[in-house]
């Protein structure tokens, strides 16, 4: 009996030793090839809103991409991951064949164009020549209106033309220059889906490739492949914050009155002072509280939002206090004041930066002395009620309470899911609903149906969806 017990004990010890050397793997999470890399993020969502809310809760530098998953109906699922992780799985072109970048609303972005025309209907049209003329015209306008020097060598030209259709994507690679957001670029709606380099539309076999006459070539690097650099260059919202970055603006209301050729930079307009609202009004109020004290009434002259870093940058007016020198500067709001049509990052001395990912804020000063020292104040924690997780939770609770209230007041009212299946014959189509919200509601209905059809066999509460599922969806 003792021998059997000793043998059993030895067997258990050997197995314990084995598991210490080779522990059981946790729930599978796709990751980059290097074992020293931190765990990667790869999550799928049925709705775009869910994906962006998840991004807000992440500390990692993640982004939202759309994946077409069914031929004919335009249904898409949304992937949240990093640029590097997506490229690792995307570059082989075996899977993930129909992908789109989701350009975030209100985020600083590059200037870009989506150009196309039907060839049979325009037999005499020379697409290549027209693209060259457009690039020439836009470069001239940027120089005249913003003082930005560029040429065809600064434009990534991607081609997905067929015998039936001429199709090009142009993405301007302007050095230290970007536009305030998608609306100021003038071409598309909020949270626009823009097809990725090397992706094709579902049901099509023509991918976006570098055009034959493309004049842009990324900087050579030993650490990053040329293909990956083209991929990063093609991403419209891949704009990083820096003190030298100039943010250009174009007032859409002015465009309607004076044509799209009329540009206006709001950064130096006195009429915009004090009521620029960012996507996070709670953060705006906190920033205003910082510059409204001790009898001083400061204001927010302008804000810019950098999606990759989840960074809000506020240019402050009527407030001169500087943490660097411990007192107010003698002058403020005077740098480059004479250049009324240009937007310079140093136009205002005082700047507050709110890092939403790390939940801190800090000050930068563009007084010549402070700028020469590259001054940055200490980081201070954001109040709990301003942090993204708190705002996200508050938004969820508000939505839940609103839904319950609506159901209580209208017990016989059809549920949103029933309404989304179709409209009755007496629907009032002239009720003034904004087109953008109608399109978003339609998209939500399509995605809800896609979730039922494609993901029915999976528990909706499971955190991780395996790669096998996404491959299965895309192959269908």
Protein backbone atom coordinates (compact mmCIF):
# COMPACT_ATOMS: atom_id res chain seq x y z
CA UNK A 1 0.00 0.00 0.00
CA UNK A 2 2.82 2.39 0.91
CA UNK A 3 4.59 1.63 -2.40
CA UNK A 4 1.45 2.39 -4.38
CA UNK A 5 1.01 5.65 -2.46
CA UNK A 6 4.65 6.64 -3.02
CA UNK A 7 4.37 5.86 -6.74
CA UNK A 8 1.16 7.91 -6.98
CA UNK A 9 2.72 10.81 -5.09
CA UNK A 10 5.78 10.73 -7.36
CA UNK A 11 3.53 10.76 -10.41
CA UNK A 12 1.66 13.81 -9.11
CA UNK A 13 4.93 15.62 -8.34
CA UNK A 14 6.25 14.89 -11.82
CA UNK A 15 3.06 16.20 -13.39
CA UNK A 16 3.13 19.33 -11.21
CA UNK A 17 6.74 19.91 -12.26
CA UNK A 18 5.76 19.50 -15.89
CA UNK A 19 2.96 22.09 -15.60
CA UNK A 20 5.32 24.49 -13.86
CA UNK A 21 7.66 24.25 -16.82
CA UNK A 22 4.83 24.30 -19.39
CA UNK A 23 1.73 25.87 -17.85
CA UNK A 24 -1.68 25.41 -19.42
CA UNK A 25 -2.45 28.06 -22.00
CA UNK A 26 -5.10 30.66 -21.21
CA UNK A 27 -7.99 31.57 -23.50
CA UNK A 28 -6.57 31.97 -27.00
CA UNK A 29 -5.74 35.53 -27.94
CA UNK A 30 -4.24 36.26 -31.37
CA UNK A 31 -0.89 37.97 -31.05
CA UNK A 32 2.16 39.01 -32.99
CA UNK A 33 4.83 36.43 -33.67
CA UNK A 34 7.35 37.65 -31.10
CA UNK A 35 6.73 36.06 -27.68
CA UNK A 36 7.99 39.14 -25.88
CA UNK A 37 5.21 41.28 -27.34
CA UNK A 38 2.41 42.23 -24.89
CA UNK A 39 -0.98 40.51 -25.38
CA UNK A 40 -2.64 41.94 -28.46
CA UNK A 41 -6.23 43.08 -28.91
CA UNK A 42 -8.46 41.52 -31.55
CA UNK A 43 -12.18 41.98 -30.89
CA UNK A 44 -15.20 41.85 -33.16
CA UNK A 45 -18.42 43.81 -32.71
CA UNK A 46 -21.78 43.77 -34.42
CA UNK A 47 -22.17 47.53 -34.24
CA UNK A 48 -19.89 50.45 -34.94
CA UNK A 49 -20.91 52.22 -31.74
CA UNK A 50 -19.92 49.19 -29.66
CA UNK A 51 -16.51 49.13 -31.31
CA UNK A 52 -15.80 52.81 -30.62
CA UNK A 53 -16.98 52.48 -27.03
CA UNK A 54 -14.55 49.60 -26.55
CA UNK A 55 -11.74 51.72 -28.02
CA UNK A 56 -12.48 54.38 -25.41
CA UNK A 57 -12.01 51.81 -22.64
CA UNK A 58 -8.61 50.61 -23.96
CA UNK A 59 -5.24 51.94 -22.89
CA UNK A 60 -3.64 50.42 -25.99
CA UNK A 61 -3.34 52.25 -29.32
CA UNK A 62 -6.23 50.49 -31.08
CA UNK A 63 -8.39 51.45 -34.06
CA UNK A 64 -11.70 50.48 -35.66
CA UNK A 65 -11.92 48.65 -38.99
CA UNK A 66 -14.99 47.42 -40.89
CA UNK A 67 -15.12 43.97 -42.50
CA UNK A 68 -17.59 43.09 -45.23
CA UNK A 69 -19.01 39.68 -44.46
CA UNK A 70 -21.88 38.98 -46.86
CA UNK A 71 -22.27 39.50 -50.60
CA UNK A 72 -25.06 41.73 -51.83
CA UNK A 73 -26.37 43.42 -48.69
CA UNK A 74 -23.40 45.49 -47.54
CA UNK A 75 -23.49 44.07 -44.02
CA UNK A 76 -20.31 44.63 -42.02
CA UNK A 77 -18.83 43.65 -38.69
CA UNK A 78 -16.32 45.82 -36.84
CA UNK A 79 -12.85 44.85 -35.73
CA UNK A 80 -10.84 46.64 -33.02
CA UNK A 81 -7.10 46.04 -33.11
CA UNK A 82 -3.75 47.80 -33.56
CA UNK A 83 -2.21 48.76 -36.89
CA UNK A 84 0.64 46.28 -36.38
CA UNK A 85 -1.64 43.39 -35.41
CA UNK A 86 -3.95 43.96 -38.38
CA UNK A 87 -1.02 44.12 -40.79
CA UNK A 88 0.44 40.89 -39.37
CA UNK A 89 -2.73 38.98 -40.34
CA UNK A 90 -3.61 41.13 -43.35
CA UNK A 91 -0.35 41.19 -45.34
CA UNK A 92 -0.56 37.58 -46.59
CA UNK A 93 -3.90 38.38 -48.31
CA UNK A 94 -5.18 34.89 -47.53
CA UNK A 95 -7.96 36.23 -45.28
CA UNK A 96 -9.38 39.66 -44.40
CA UNK A 97 -9.82 40.49 -48.08
CA UNK A 98 -12.54 43.15 -47.78
CA UNK A 99 -11.52 45.65 -45.09
CA UNK A 100 -12.22 49.33 -44.47
CA UNK A 101 -10.73 51.97 -42.22
CA UNK A 102 -13.39 53.68 -40.11
CA UNK A 103 -12.44 57.36 -40.01
CA UNK A 104 -13.51 58.58 -36.54
CA UNK A 105 -15.82 61.53 -36.22
CA UNK A 106 -14.12 64.74 -35.01
CA UNK A 107 -10.61 63.24 -35.34
CA UNK A 108 -7.75 65.08 -37.06
CA UNK A 109 -7.19 63.47 -40.45
CA UNK A 110 -5.36 63.67 -43.77
CA UNK A 111 -6.76 65.25 -46.92
CA UNK A 112 -8.15 62.51 -49.17
CA UNK A 113 -10.32 61.92 -52.24
CA UNK A 114 -12.34 59.00 -53.61
CA UNK A 115 -12.60 59.45 -57.39
CA UNK A 116 -14.52 57.38 -59.91
CA UNK A 117 -16.51 57.49 -63.13
CA UNK A 118 -18.21 55.03 -65.48
CA UNK A 119 -16.01 54.38 -68.50
CA UNK A 120 -18.69 53.36 -71.06
CA UNK A 121 -20.69 56.50 -70.22
CA UNK A 122 -17.57 58.68 -70.63
CA UNK A 123 -15.70 57.23 -73.63
CA UNK A 124 -13.56 60.31 -74.19
CA UNK A 125 -12.49 60.79 -70.56
CA UNK A 126 -8.80 60.42 -69.71
CA UNK A 127 -8.87 59.40 -66.05
CA UNK A 128 -5.12 59.62 -65.46
CA UNK A 129 -4.95 63.11 -66.93
CA UNK A 130 -7.94 64.29 -64.88
CA UNK A 131 -6.36 62.95 -61.67
CA UNK A 132 -3.10 64.76 -62.48
CA UNK A 133 -5.00 68.02 -63.07
CA UNK A 134 -6.93 67.61 -59.80
CA UNK A 135 -3.72 67.04 -57.82
CA UNK A 136 -2.16 70.09 -59.48
CA UNK A 137 -5.19 72.23 -58.64
CA UNK A 138 -5.42 71.08 -55.01
CA UNK A 139 -1.69 71.64 -54.45
CA UNK A 140 -2.04 75.15 -55.86
CA UNK A 141 -5.04 75.87 -53.61
CA UNK A 142 -3.21 74.57 -50.52
CA UNK A 143 -0.27 76.87 -51.29
CA UNK A 144 -2.39 79.95 -51.97
CA UNK A 145 -4.84 79.54 -49.09
CA UNK A 146 -2.74 77.86 -46.39
CA UNK A 147 0.88 78.40 -47.41
CA UNK A 148 1.38 74.62 -47.73
CA UNK A 149 3.88 73.53 -50.38
CA UNK A 150 3.19 70.13 -51.94
CA UNK A 151 3.20 68.30 -55.25
CA UNK A 152 2.21 64.97 -56.82
CA UNK A 153 5.14 63.42 -54.91
CA UNK A 154 3.19 64.05 -51.70
CA UNK A 155 0.07 62.20 -52.85
CA UNK A 156 -0.40 58.44 -52.46
CA UNK A 157 -2.33 57.41 -55.57
CA UNK A 158 -4.17 54.07 -55.28
CA UNK A 159 -5.94 52.40 -58.20
CA UNK A 160 -8.79 49.86 -58.35
CA UNK A 161 -10.06 50.55 -61.88
CA UNK A 162 -11.86 47.97 -64.02
CA UNK A 163 -13.03 47.87 -67.63
CA UNK A 164 -16.32 49.37 -66.45
CA UNK A 165 -15.19 51.92 -63.88
CA UNK A 166 -12.26 54.27 -63.29
CA UNK A 167 -11.53 54.34 -59.55
CA UNK A 168 -8.80 56.08 -57.55
CA UNK A 169 -8.06 56.96 -53.93
CA UNK A 170 -5.80 59.95 -53.27
CA UNK A 171 -4.32 60.42 -49.79
CA UNK A 172 -2.20 63.54 -49.27
CA UNK A 173 0.96 62.96 -47.20
CA UNK A 174 1.52 66.55 -46.07
CA UNK A 175 4.48 67.06 -43.74
CA UNK A 176 3.37 68.47 -40.37
CA UNK A 177 -0.04 69.42 -41.79
CA UNK A 178 -3.49 67.85 -41.35
CA UNK A 179 -7.15 68.86 -41.32
CA UNK A 180 -9.21 69.36 -38.19
CA UNK A 181 -11.59 66.49 -39.01
CA UNK A 182 -13.50 64.68 -41.72
CA UNK A 183 -16.07 67.47 -42.06
CA UNK A 184 -13.41 70.10 -42.69
CA UNK A 185 -11.94 67.91 -45.41
CA UNK A 186 -15.43 68.26 -47.03
CA UNK A 187 -15.92 64.82 -48.69
CA UNK A 188 -17.76 62.46 -46.40
CA UNK A 189 -20.08 61.76 -43.52
CA UNK A 190 -19.05 61.02 -39.94
CA UNK A 191 -17.33 57.70 -39.12
CA UNK A 192 -16.83 57.10 -42.83
CA UNK A 193 -15.71 53.66 -44.05
CA UNK A 194 -12.74 54.04 -46.44
CA UNK A 195 -11.45 50.93 -48.22
CA UNK A 196 -7.98 49.75 -47.15
CA UNK A 197 -4.94 49.49 -49.37
CA UNK A 198 -4.90 46.00 -50.99
CA UNK A 199 -8.57 45.34 -50.15
CA UNK A 200 -11.33 44.73 -52.67
CA UNK A 201 -15.07 45.19 -52.35
CA UNK A 202 -16.84 41.96 -51.49
CA UNK A 203 -17.89 40.13 -54.62
CA UNK A 204 -15.15 41.92 -56.58
CA UNK A 205 -11.63 40.76 -57.38
CA UNK A 206 -9.96 44.15 -57.95
CA UNK A 207 -8.01 45.44 -54.94
CA UNK A 208 -6.63 48.91 -54.27
CA UNK A 209 -3.02 48.91 -55.46
CA UNK A 210 -0.41 51.61 -55.95
CA UNK A 211 -1.24 53.34 -59.23
CA UNK A 212 1.17 53.16 -62.14
CA UNK A 213 1.69 56.94 -62.12
CA UNK A 214 1.87 57.26 -58.30
CA UNK A 215 4.51 59.81 -57.33
CA UNK A 216 4.67 59.16 -53.57
CA UNK A 217 7.27 56.80 -52.13
CA UNK A 218 7.55 56.24 -48.36
CA UNK A 219 10.84 56.75 -46.56
CA UNK A 220 13.01 53.63 -46.65
CA UNK A 221 13.53 51.88 -43.33
CA UNK A 222 15.42 48.75 -42.27
CA UNK A 223 12.92 48.01 -39.50
CA UNK A 224 9.67 48.47 -41.47
CA UNK A 225 8.87 46.90 -44.84
CA UNK A 226 7.94 49.11 -47.77
CA UNK A 227 4.50 47.47 -48.01
CA UNK A 228 3.75 48.21 -44.36
CA UNK A 229 4.80 51.83 -44.87
CA UNK A 230 2.42 52.13 -47.81
CA UNK A 231 -0.30 50.63 -45.61
CA UNK A 232 0.34 53.15 -42.80
CA UNK A 233 0.47 56.02 -45.31
CA UNK A 234 -2.89 55.01 -46.75
CA UNK A 235 -4.66 55.33 -43.37
CA UNK A 236 -6.53 58.63 -43.35
CA UNK A 237 -6.81 58.92 -39.55
CA UNK A 238 -3.19 57.92 -38.88
CA UNK A 239 -2.16 61.41 -37.74
CA UNK A 240 -0.03 61.79 -34.62
CA UNK A 241 0.11 64.87 -32.43
CA UNK A 242 3.23 67.00 -32.39
CA UNK A 243 3.98 70.59 -31.45
CA UNK A 244 4.91 71.35 -35.05
CA UNK A 245 1.69 69.97 -36.55
CA UNK A 246 -0.50 72.57 -38.25
CA UNK A 247 -4.25 71.99 -38.20
CA UNK A 248 -6.10 73.37 -41.22
CA UNK A 249 -9.78 74.16 -41.15
CA UNK A 250 -12.46 74.80 -43.75
CA UNK A 251 -15.84 76.20 -42.73
CA UNK A 252 -18.57 74.13 -44.48
CA UNK A 253 -21.14 76.92 -44.12
CA UNK A 254 -18.83 79.27 -46.00
CA UNK A 255 -18.39 76.66 -48.71
CA UNK A 256 -22.12 76.51 -49.36
CA UNK A 257 -22.25 80.27 -49.80
CA UNK A 258 -19.04 80.81 -51.77
CA UNK A 259 -18.25 77.43 -53.34
CA UNK A 260 -15.90 74.67 -52.28
CA UNK A 261 -12.89 76.71 -53.33
CA UNK A 262 -13.40 79.09 -50.40
CA UNK A 263 -11.38 78.10 -47.37
CA UNK A 264 -11.47 79.71 -43.97
CA UNK A 265 -9.24 79.02 -40.99
CA UNK A 266 -11.26 79.42 -37.80
CA UNK A 267 -8.18 79.28 -35.60
CA UNK A 268 -7.65 83.05 -35.79
CA UNK A 269 -11.28 84.11 -35.91
CA UNK A 270 -12.32 86.15 -32.90
CA UNK A 271 -15.98 85.14 -33.40
CA UNK A 272 -15.18 81.51 -32.61
CA UNK A 273 -13.68 82.37 -29.27
CA UNK A 274 -14.99 80.60 -26.20
CA UNK A 275 -17.61 78.24 -27.62
CA UNK A 276 -15.75 75.52 -29.45
CA UNK A 277 -17.27 72.27 -28.18
CA UNK A 278 -15.26 69.05 -28.41
CA UNK A 279 -16.74 65.52 -28.54
CA UNK A 280 -16.43 65.49 -24.73
CA UNK A 281 -18.35 68.44 -23.22
CA UNK A 282 -17.54 67.20 -19.69
CA UNK A 283 -13.84 67.58 -20.48
CA UNK A 284 -14.49 71.02 -21.97
CA UNK A 285 -16.12 72.14 -18.72
CA UNK A 286 -13.18 70.81 -16.71
CA UNK A 287 -10.68 72.68 -18.90
CA UNK A 288 -12.72 75.87 -18.56
CA UNK A 289 -12.63 75.44 -14.80
CA UNK A 290 -8.82 75.43 -14.97
CA UNK A 291 -8.65 78.76 -16.80
CA UNK A 292 -11.48 80.48 -14.96
CA UNK A 293 -10.18 81.24 -11.47
CA UNK A 294 -8.65 83.99 -9.36
CA UNK A 295 -10.71 86.59 -11.22
CA UNK A 296 -9.41 85.49 -14.63
CA UNK A 297 -11.94 84.49 -17.31
CA UNK A 298 -10.12 82.35 -19.83
CA UNK A 299 -11.75 80.51 -22.70
CA UNK A 300 -11.28 77.76 -25.25
CA UNK A 301 -10.37 79.29 -28.58
CA UNK A 302 -9.99 75.99 -30.39
CA UNK A 303 -9.76 72.24 -29.79
CA UNK A 304 -8.32 69.39 -31.83
CA UNK A 305 -8.80 65.67 -31.29
CA UNK A 306 -6.12 63.08 -32.12
CA UNK A 307 -7.76 59.67 -32.28
CA UNK A 308 -4.60 57.47 -32.21
CA UNK A 309 -3.56 58.92 -28.85
CA UNK A 310 -7.09 59.73 -27.57
CA UNK A 311 -5.67 63.21 -27.02
CA UNK A 312 -7.65 66.46 -26.79
CA UNK A 313 -5.56 69.58 -27.42
CA UNK A 314 -7.04 72.91 -26.31
CA UNK A 315 -5.74 76.31 -27.41
CA UNK A 316 -6.59 78.75 -24.61
CA UNK A 317 -7.38 82.46 -24.85
CA UNK A 318 -7.36 85.25 -22.24
CA UNK A 319 -5.25 83.20 -19.84
CA UNK A 320 -1.51 83.79 -19.38
CA UNK A 321 -0.42 81.72 -16.39
CA UNK A 322 2.58 79.52 -17.10
CA UNK A 323 3.69 76.62 -14.89
CA UNK A 324 7.22 76.97 -16.25
CA UNK A 325 7.92 80.47 -14.93
CA UNK A 326 5.35 80.41 -12.12
CA UNK A 327 3.61 83.58 -13.23
CA UNK A 328 1.65 84.97 -16.18
CA UNK A 329 3.48 85.84 -19.38
CA UNK A 330 3.45 89.49 -20.32
CA UNK A 331 1.97 88.85 -23.77
CA UNK A 332 -0.49 86.34 -25.16
CA UNK A 333 -2.36 85.57 -28.38
CA UNK A 334 0.08 87.57 -30.53
CA UNK A 335 2.34 85.02 -32.19
CA UNK A 336 1.85 84.92 -35.98
CA UNK A 337 -1.23 87.08 -35.51
CA UNK A 338 -0.67 88.84 -38.85
CA UNK A 339 -1.09 85.61 -40.82
CA UNK A 340 -4.87 85.74 -40.65
CA UNK A 341 -5.52 82.92 -43.13
CA UNK A 342 -3.13 80.38 -41.63
CA UNK A 343 -3.38 78.00 -38.71
CA UNK A 344 -0.14 77.79 -36.73
CA UNK A 345 0.24 75.54 -33.69
CA UNK A 346 2.04 78.37 -31.92
CA UNK A 347 -0.66 80.96 -32.54
CA UNK A 348 -1.66 80.88 -28.87
CA UNK A 349 0.83 80.78 -26.01
CA UNK A 350 -1.15 78.60 -23.61
CA UNK A 351 -2.25 75.07 -24.44
CA UNK A 352 -3.86 72.36 -22.30
CA UNK A 353 -3.55 68.73 -23.38
CA UNK A 354 -5.93 66.10 -22.00
CA UNK A 355 -4.68 62.51 -22.36
CA UNK A 356 -7.86 60.44 -22.18
CA UNK A 357 -6.06 57.10 -22.36
CA UNK A 358 -3.82 57.77 -19.36
CA UNK A 359 -6.40 59.99 -17.62
CA UNK A 360 -4.09 62.94 -17.07
CA UNK A 361 -3.77 66.54 -18.26
CA UNK A 362 -0.79 68.84 -18.66
CA UNK A 363 0.18 72.26 -19.98
CA UNK A 364 2.42 73.33 -22.82
CA UNK A 365 3.46 76.90 -23.45
CA UNK A 366 4.43 78.49 -26.76
CA UNK A 367 6.03 81.61 -25.41
CA UNK A 368 9.41 81.86 -27.23
CA UNK A 369 11.35 81.15 -24.02
CA UNK A 370 9.22 78.16 -22.99
CA UNK A 371 9.13 76.84 -26.53
CA UNK A 372 12.91 76.94 -26.77
CA UNK A 373 13.09 74.85 -23.59
CA UNK A 374 10.44 72.45 -24.97
CA UNK A 375 8.55 72.97 -21.73
CA UNK A 376 5.89 70.52 -20.62
CA UNK A 377 4.32 70.74 -17.16
CA UNK A 378 3.88 67.85 -14.76
CA UNK A 379 0.96 65.52 -15.49
CA UNK A 380 -2.07 65.94 -13.24
CA UNK A 381 -4.82 63.30 -12.82
CA UNK A 382 -8.20 63.94 -14.37
CA UNK A 383 -11.20 64.00 -12.01
CA UNK A 384 -13.06 60.67 -11.98
CA UNK A 385 -16.15 62.20 -13.58
CA UNK A 386 -14.10 63.24 -16.62
CA UNK A 387 -12.44 59.86 -17.27
CA UNK A 388 -13.62 57.84 -20.26
CA UNK A 389 -14.70 54.76 -18.31
CA UNK A 390 -16.92 56.90 -16.09
CA UNK A 391 -18.42 58.72 -19.08
CA UNK A 392 -18.95 55.42 -20.88
CA UNK A 393 -20.74 53.90 -17.87
CA UNK A 394 -22.85 57.03 -17.43
CA UNK A 395 -23.85 56.90 -21.10
CA UNK A 396 -24.88 53.23 -20.79
CA UNK A 397 -27.00 53.95 -17.69
CA UNK A 398 -28.67 56.91 -19.40
CA UNK A 399 -29.50 54.82 -22.47
CA UNK A 400 -30.93 52.01 -20.32
CA UNK A 401 -33.07 54.39 -18.23
CA UNK A 402 -34.31 56.14 -21.37
CA UNK A 403 -35.32 52.82 -22.96
CA UNK A 404 -37.18 51.70 -19.83
CA UNK A 405 -38.98 55.02 -19.59
CA UNK A 406 -40.02 54.82 -23.22
CA UNK A 407 -41.35 51.28 -22.80
CA UNK A 408 -43.31 52.30 -19.67
CA UNK A 409 -44.91 55.28 -21.38
CA UNK A 410 -45.70 53.38 -24.59
CA UNK A 411 -46.35 49.72 -23.66
CA UNK A 412 -47.95 49.00 -27.06
CA UNK A 413 -45.23 50.72 -29.11
CA UNK A 414 -43.30 48.30 -31.39
CA UNK A 415 -39.75 47.59 -30.30
CA UNK A 416 -36.84 49.18 -32.25
CA UNK A 417 -35.92 45.75 -33.64
CA UNK A 418 -39.43 45.36 -35.10
CA UNK A 419 -39.39 48.84 -36.53
CA UNK A 420 -36.01 48.18 -38.13
CA UNK A 421 -37.37 45.24 -40.15
CA UNK A 422 -39.34 47.51 -42.41
CA UNK A 423 -41.52 50.60 -42.66
CA UNK A 424 -45.30 50.60 -42.88
CA UNK A 425 -47.04 52.01 -45.93
CA UNK A 426 -48.10 55.18 -44.13
CA UNK A 427 -44.58 56.09 -42.93
CA UNK A 428 -43.99 59.83 -43.14
CA UNK A 429 -40.77 60.14 -45.19
CA UNK A 430 -40.83 63.95 -45.01
CA UNK A 431 -40.53 64.31 -41.25
CA UNK A 432 -37.21 66.18 -41.41
CA UNK A 433 -35.01 63.39 -40.02
CA UNK A 434 -31.36 64.09 -40.73
CA UNK A 435 -30.00 61.81 -43.46
CA UNK A 436 -26.92 60.90 -41.44
CA UNK A 437 -29.00 59.59 -38.53
CA UNK A 438 -31.32 57.73 -40.88
CA UNK A 439 -28.32 56.01 -42.50
CA UNK A 440 -26.92 55.12 -39.08
CA UNK A 441 -30.28 53.61 -38.03
CA UNK A 442 -30.40 51.60 -41.26
CA UNK A 443 -26.87 50.36 -40.65
CA UNK A 444 -27.76 49.30 -37.12
CA UNK A 445 -30.71 47.29 -38.43
CA UNK A 446 -28.52 45.55 -41.01
CA UNK A 447 -25.85 44.76 -38.48
CA UNK A 448 -28.39 43.38 -36.01
CA UNK A 449 -29.65 41.01 -38.69
CA UNK A 450 -26.07 40.08 -39.59
CA UNK A 451 -25.43 39.23 -35.96
CA UNK A 452 -28.44 36.90 -35.92
CA UNK A 453 -27.49 35.19 -39.17
CA UNK A 454 -23.72 34.90 -38.73
CA UNK A 455 -23.16 34.67 -34.99
CA UNK A 456 -26.23 32.84 -33.73
CA UNK A 457 -24.28 29.86 -32.48
CA UNK A 458 -21.98 31.95 -30.29
CA UNK A 459 -22.65 33.32 -26.85
CA UNK A 460 -22.94 37.10 -27.16
CA UNK A 461 -21.29 37.57 -23.78
CA UNK A 462 -18.04 35.83 -24.76
CA UNK A 463 -15.23 38.37 -24.69
CA UNK A 464 -13.05 36.84 -27.38
CA UNK A 465 -14.24 35.67 -30.80
CA UNK A 466 -11.74 33.29 -32.39
CA UNK A 467 -10.07 33.90 -35.73
CA UNK A 468 -11.84 30.82 -37.15
CA UNK A 469 -15.16 32.65 -36.91
CA UNK A 470 -14.01 35.75 -38.77
CA UNK A 471 -12.44 33.59 -41.48
CA UNK A 472 -15.68 31.61 -41.78
CA UNK A 473 -17.72 34.79 -42.11
CA UNK A 474 -15.43 36.27 -44.72
CA UNK A 475 -15.35 33.06 -46.76
CA UNK A 476 -19.16 32.96 -46.84
